[in-house]
Amino acid sequence: MQQVDCARCGVRVLVEKNSWEHTSVQWSTARPDTVCDGYRDDPTLTLRGARVGRCPALRESIVAAAVDGRVPVPD
């Protein structure tokens, strides 16, 4: 897993890409709303499981990291 920092709030998560469509994210906390501005600003983002897809800024940061090669994506 590779570290990725959110470009918006700076929260650091561990990320692994098994494909362009599949992303695994490991948070340093069970409560992302305590560290992530997106979750803190909109509590509805945590209503369902997949947290990475719910915060647009974090999702964009992970995509950028994959595109520029910081997070490898298997062919």
N, C-alpha and C. Protein backbone atom coordinates (compact mmCIF):
# COMPACT_ATOMS: atom_id res chain seq x y z
N MET A 1 0.85 -1.18 0.00
CA MET A 1 0.00 0.00 0.00
C MET A 1 0.90 1.25 0.00
N GLN A 2 0.43 2.26 -0.71
CA GLN A 2 1.18 3.51 -0.84
C GLN A 2 0.45 4.63 -0.10
N GLN A 3 1.20 5.53 0.48
CA GLN A 3 0.60 6.68 1.16
C GLN A 3 0.14 7.69 0.13
N VAL A 4 -1.08 8.22 0.36
CA VAL A 4 -1.60 9.30 -0.47
C VAL A 4 -2.16 10.36 0.48
N ASP A 5 -1.79 11.61 0.23
CA ASP A 5 -2.31 12.73 1.01
C ASP A 5 -3.39 13.42 0.20
N CYS A 6 -4.49 13.74 0.84
CA CYS A 6 -5.57 14.47 0.18
C CYS A 6 -5.10 15.88 -0.13
N ALA A 7 -5.30 16.31 -1.37
CA ALA A 7 -4.88 17.65 -1.77
C ALA A 7 -5.71 18.74 -1.09
N ARG A 8 -6.89 18.40 -0.61
CA ARG A 8 -7.75 19.39 0.03
C ARG A 8 -7.42 19.59 1.50
N CYS A 9 -7.43 18.48 2.26
CA CYS A 9 -7.29 18.64 3.72
C CYS A 9 -6.00 18.04 4.27
N GLY A 10 -5.26 17.28 3.44
CA GLY A 10 -4.00 16.73 3.89
C GLY A 10 -4.08 15.41 4.62
N VAL A 11 -5.28 14.86 4.80
CA VAL A 11 -5.39 13.56 5.47
C VAL A 11 -4.59 12.53 4.68
N ARG A 12 -3.88 11.66 5.39
CA ARG A 12 -3.06 10.63 4.75
C ARG A 12 -3.74 9.28 4.91
N VAL A 13 -3.88 8.57 3.78
CA VAL A 13 -4.43 7.22 3.78
C VAL A 13 -3.46 6.31 3.05
N LEU A 14 -3.62 5.02 3.25
CA LEU A 14 -2.85 4.03 2.50
C LEU A 14 -3.75 3.51 1.38
N VAL A 15 -3.17 3.40 0.17
CA VAL A 15 -3.96 3.06 -1.01
C VAL A 15 -3.29 1.94 -1.78
N GLU A 16 -4.14 1.05 -2.31
CA GLU A 16 -3.69 0.01 -3.22
C GLU A 16 -4.69 -0.06 -4.36
N LYS A 17 -4.19 -0.10 -5.59
CA LYS A 17 -5.05 -0.23 -6.76
C LYS A 17 -4.85 -1.62 -7.34
N ASN A 18 -5.93 -2.40 -7.43
CA ASN A 18 -5.87 -3.71 -8.08
C ASN A 18 -6.22 -3.59 -9.56
N SER A 19 -6.84 -2.47 -9.92
CA SER A 19 -7.15 -2.12 -11.30
C SER A 19 -7.55 -0.65 -11.27
N TRP A 20 -7.82 -0.06 -12.44
CA TRP A 20 -8.26 1.34 -12.46
C TRP A 20 -9.61 1.49 -11.77
N GLU A 21 -10.41 0.44 -11.79
CA GLU A 21 -11.74 0.51 -11.18
C GLU A 21 -11.76 0.15 -9.70
N HIS A 22 -10.78 -0.61 -9.23
CA HIS A 22 -10.78 -1.11 -7.86
C HIS A 22 -9.70 -0.44 -7.02
N THR A 23 -10.12 0.18 -5.93
CA THR A 23 -9.20 0.86 -5.02
C THR A 23 -9.46 0.40 -3.60
N SER A 24 -8.40 0.01 -2.91
CA SER A 24 -8.49 -0.31 -1.48
C SER A 24 -7.86 0.84 -0.71
N VAL A 25 -8.56 1.28 0.33
CA VAL A 25 -8.07 2.39 1.14
C VAL A 25 -8.07 1.98 2.60
N GLN A 26 -6.97 2.25 3.26
CA GLN A 26 -6.87 1.99 4.70
C GLN A 26 -6.72 3.32 5.41
N TRP A 27 -7.68 3.61 6.28
CA TRP A 27 -7.66 4.83 7.08
C TRP A 27 -6.88 4.58 8.37
N SER A 28 -6.33 5.64 8.93
CA SER A 28 -5.63 5.53 10.21
C SER A 28 -6.62 5.61 11.37
N THR A 29 -7.89 5.79 11.05
CA THR A 29 -8.92 5.91 12.07
C THR A 29 -10.21 5.26 11.59
N ALA A 30 -11.01 4.79 12.51
CA ALA A 30 -12.32 4.24 12.15
C ALA A 30 -13.33 5.36 11.91
N ARG A 31 -12.99 6.58 12.28
CA ARG A 31 -13.88 7.73 12.14
C ARG A 31 -13.26 8.78 11.23
N PRO A 32 -13.42 8.66 9.90
CA PRO A 32 -12.78 9.62 9.00
C PRO A 32 -13.26 11.04 9.21
N ASP A 33 -14.44 11.22 9.79
CA ASP A 33 -14.94 12.58 10.02
C ASP A 33 -14.11 13.32 11.06
N THR A 34 -13.24 12.62 11.78
CA THR A 34 -12.38 13.30 12.75
C THR A 34 -11.12 13.86 12.10
N VAL A 35 -10.82 13.42 10.86
CA VAL A 35 -9.60 13.88 10.20
C VAL A 35 -9.81 14.44 8.80
N CYS A 36 -10.93 14.17 8.18
CA CYS A 36 -11.17 14.55 6.79
C CYS A 36 -12.20 15.68 6.72
N ASP A 37 -11.80 16.79 6.09
CA ASP A 37 -12.71 17.93 5.96
C ASP A 37 -13.99 17.55 5.22
N GLY A 38 -13.88 16.75 4.17
CA GLY A 38 -15.06 16.36 3.39
C GLY A 38 -16.08 15.62 4.23
N TYR A 39 -15.64 14.69 5.06
CA TYR A 39 -16.55 13.93 5.92
C TYR A 39 -17.08 14.79 7.06
N ARG A 40 -16.26 15.68 7.55
CA ARG A 40 -16.69 16.57 8.62
C ARG A 40 -17.75 17.55 8.10
N ASP A 41 -17.55 18.07 6.88
CA ASP A 41 -18.48 19.03 6.30
C ASP A 41 -19.80 18.39 5.87
N ASP A 42 -19.77 17.11 5.50
CA ASP A 42 -20.97 16.42 5.04
C ASP A 42 -21.06 15.04 5.68
N PRO A 43 -21.67 14.94 6.87
CA PRO A 43 -21.74 13.67 7.59
C PRO A 43 -22.45 12.56 6.82
N THR A 44 -23.25 12.89 5.81
CA THR A 44 -23.94 11.84 5.05
C THR A 44 -22.96 10.99 4.24
N LEU A 45 -21.73 11.47 4.05
CA LEU A 45 -20.75 10.69 3.30
C LEU A 45 -20.40 9.38 3.98
N THR A 46 -20.60 9.29 5.29
CA THR A 46 -20.24 8.07 6.02
C THR A 46 -21.43 7.13 6.22
N LEU A 47 -22.56 7.42 5.61
CA LEU A 47 -23.73 6.58 5.81
C LEU A 47 -23.57 5.19 5.22
N ARG A 48 -22.78 5.04 4.17
CA ARG A 48 -22.55 3.74 3.55
C ARG A 48 -21.07 3.45 3.51
N GLY A 49 -20.72 2.17 3.43
CA GLY A 49 -19.36 1.68 3.46
C GLY A 49 -18.28 2.44 2.70
N ALA A 50 -18.15 2.28 1.42
CA ALA A 50 -17.01 2.73 0.61
C ALA A 50 -16.67 4.19 0.79
N ARG A 51 -15.84 4.47 1.75
CA ARG A 51 -15.52 5.86 2.11
C ARG A 51 -14.72 6.58 1.04
N VAL A 52 -13.85 5.87 0.34
CA VAL A 52 -13.02 6.57 -0.64
C VAL A 52 -13.86 7.21 -1.74
N GLY A 53 -14.90 6.54 -2.19
CA GLY A 53 -15.72 7.06 -3.27
C GLY A 53 -16.63 8.18 -2.85
N ARG A 54 -16.72 8.43 -1.57
CA ARG A 54 -17.67 9.40 -1.07
C ARG A 54 -17.08 10.80 -0.91
N CYS A 55 -15.79 10.93 -0.76
CA CYS A 55 -15.16 12.25 -0.62
C CYS A 55 -14.51 12.61 -1.95
N PRO A 56 -15.06 13.57 -2.67
CA PRO A 56 -14.53 13.90 -4.00
C PRO A 56 -13.06 14.32 -3.98
N ALA A 57 -12.65 15.08 -2.99
CA ALA A 57 -11.26 15.55 -2.95
C ALA A 57 -10.29 14.39 -2.74
N LEU A 58 -10.63 13.45 -1.87
CA LEU A 58 -9.76 12.30 -1.65
C LEU A 58 -9.73 11.42 -2.89
N ARG A 59 -10.89 11.20 -3.48
CA ARG A 59 -10.96 10.39 -4.70
C ARG A 59 -10.07 11.00 -5.79
N GLU A 60 -10.16 12.31 -5.98
CA GLU A 60 -9.34 12.99 -6.99
C GLU A 60 -7.84 12.88 -6.68
N SER A 61 -7.49 12.95 -5.40
CA SER A 61 -6.08 12.83 -5.01
C SER A 61 -5.56 11.44 -5.31
N ILE A 62 -6.38 10.42 -5.09
CA ILE A 62 -5.97 9.04 -5.36
C ILE A 62 -5.82 8.81 -6.86
N VAL A 63 -6.75 9.33 -7.64
CA VAL A 63 -6.66 9.21 -9.10
C VAL A 63 -5.39 9.89 -9.60
N ALA A 64 -5.10 11.08 -9.10
CA ALA A 64 -3.90 11.81 -9.51
C ALA A 64 -2.65 11.01 -9.17
N ALA A 65 -2.62 10.38 -8.00
CA ALA A 65 -1.47 9.57 -7.59
C ALA A 65 -1.30 8.35 -8.49
N ALA A 66 -2.41 7.77 -8.93
CA ALA A 66 -2.34 6.62 -9.84
C ALA A 66 -1.86 7.07 -11.22
N VAL A 67 -2.38 8.18 -11.70
CA VAL A 67 -2.00 8.67 -13.03
C VAL A 67 -0.52 9.03 -13.09
N ASP A 68 -0.02 9.66 -12.05
CA ASP A 68 1.39 10.07 -12.10
C ASP A 68 2.36 8.99 -11.60
N GLY A 69 1.84 7.80 -11.27
CA GLY A 69 2.70 6.66 -10.95
C GLY A 69 3.07 6.48 -9.49
N ARG A 70 2.57 7.34 -8.60
CA ARG A 70 2.88 7.18 -7.17
C ARG A 70 2.17 5.96 -6.59
N VAL A 71 1.02 5.61 -7.16
CA VAL A 71 0.30 4.39 -6.78
C VAL A 71 0.24 3.50 -8.01
N PRO A 72 0.96 2.37 -7.99
CA PRO A 72 0.98 1.50 -9.18
C PRO A 72 -0.39 0.88 -9.44
N VAL A 73 -0.70 0.74 -10.72
CA VAL A 73 -1.95 0.10 -11.16
C VAL A 73 -1.55 -1.05 -12.08
N PRO A 74 -1.87 -2.29 -11.68
CA PRO A 74 -1.51 -3.44 -12.55
C PRO A 74 -2.20 -3.33 -13.91
N ASP A 75 -1.50 -3.83 -14.93
CA ASP A 75 -2.07 -3.83 -16.28
C ASP A 75 -3.14 -4.87 -16.43
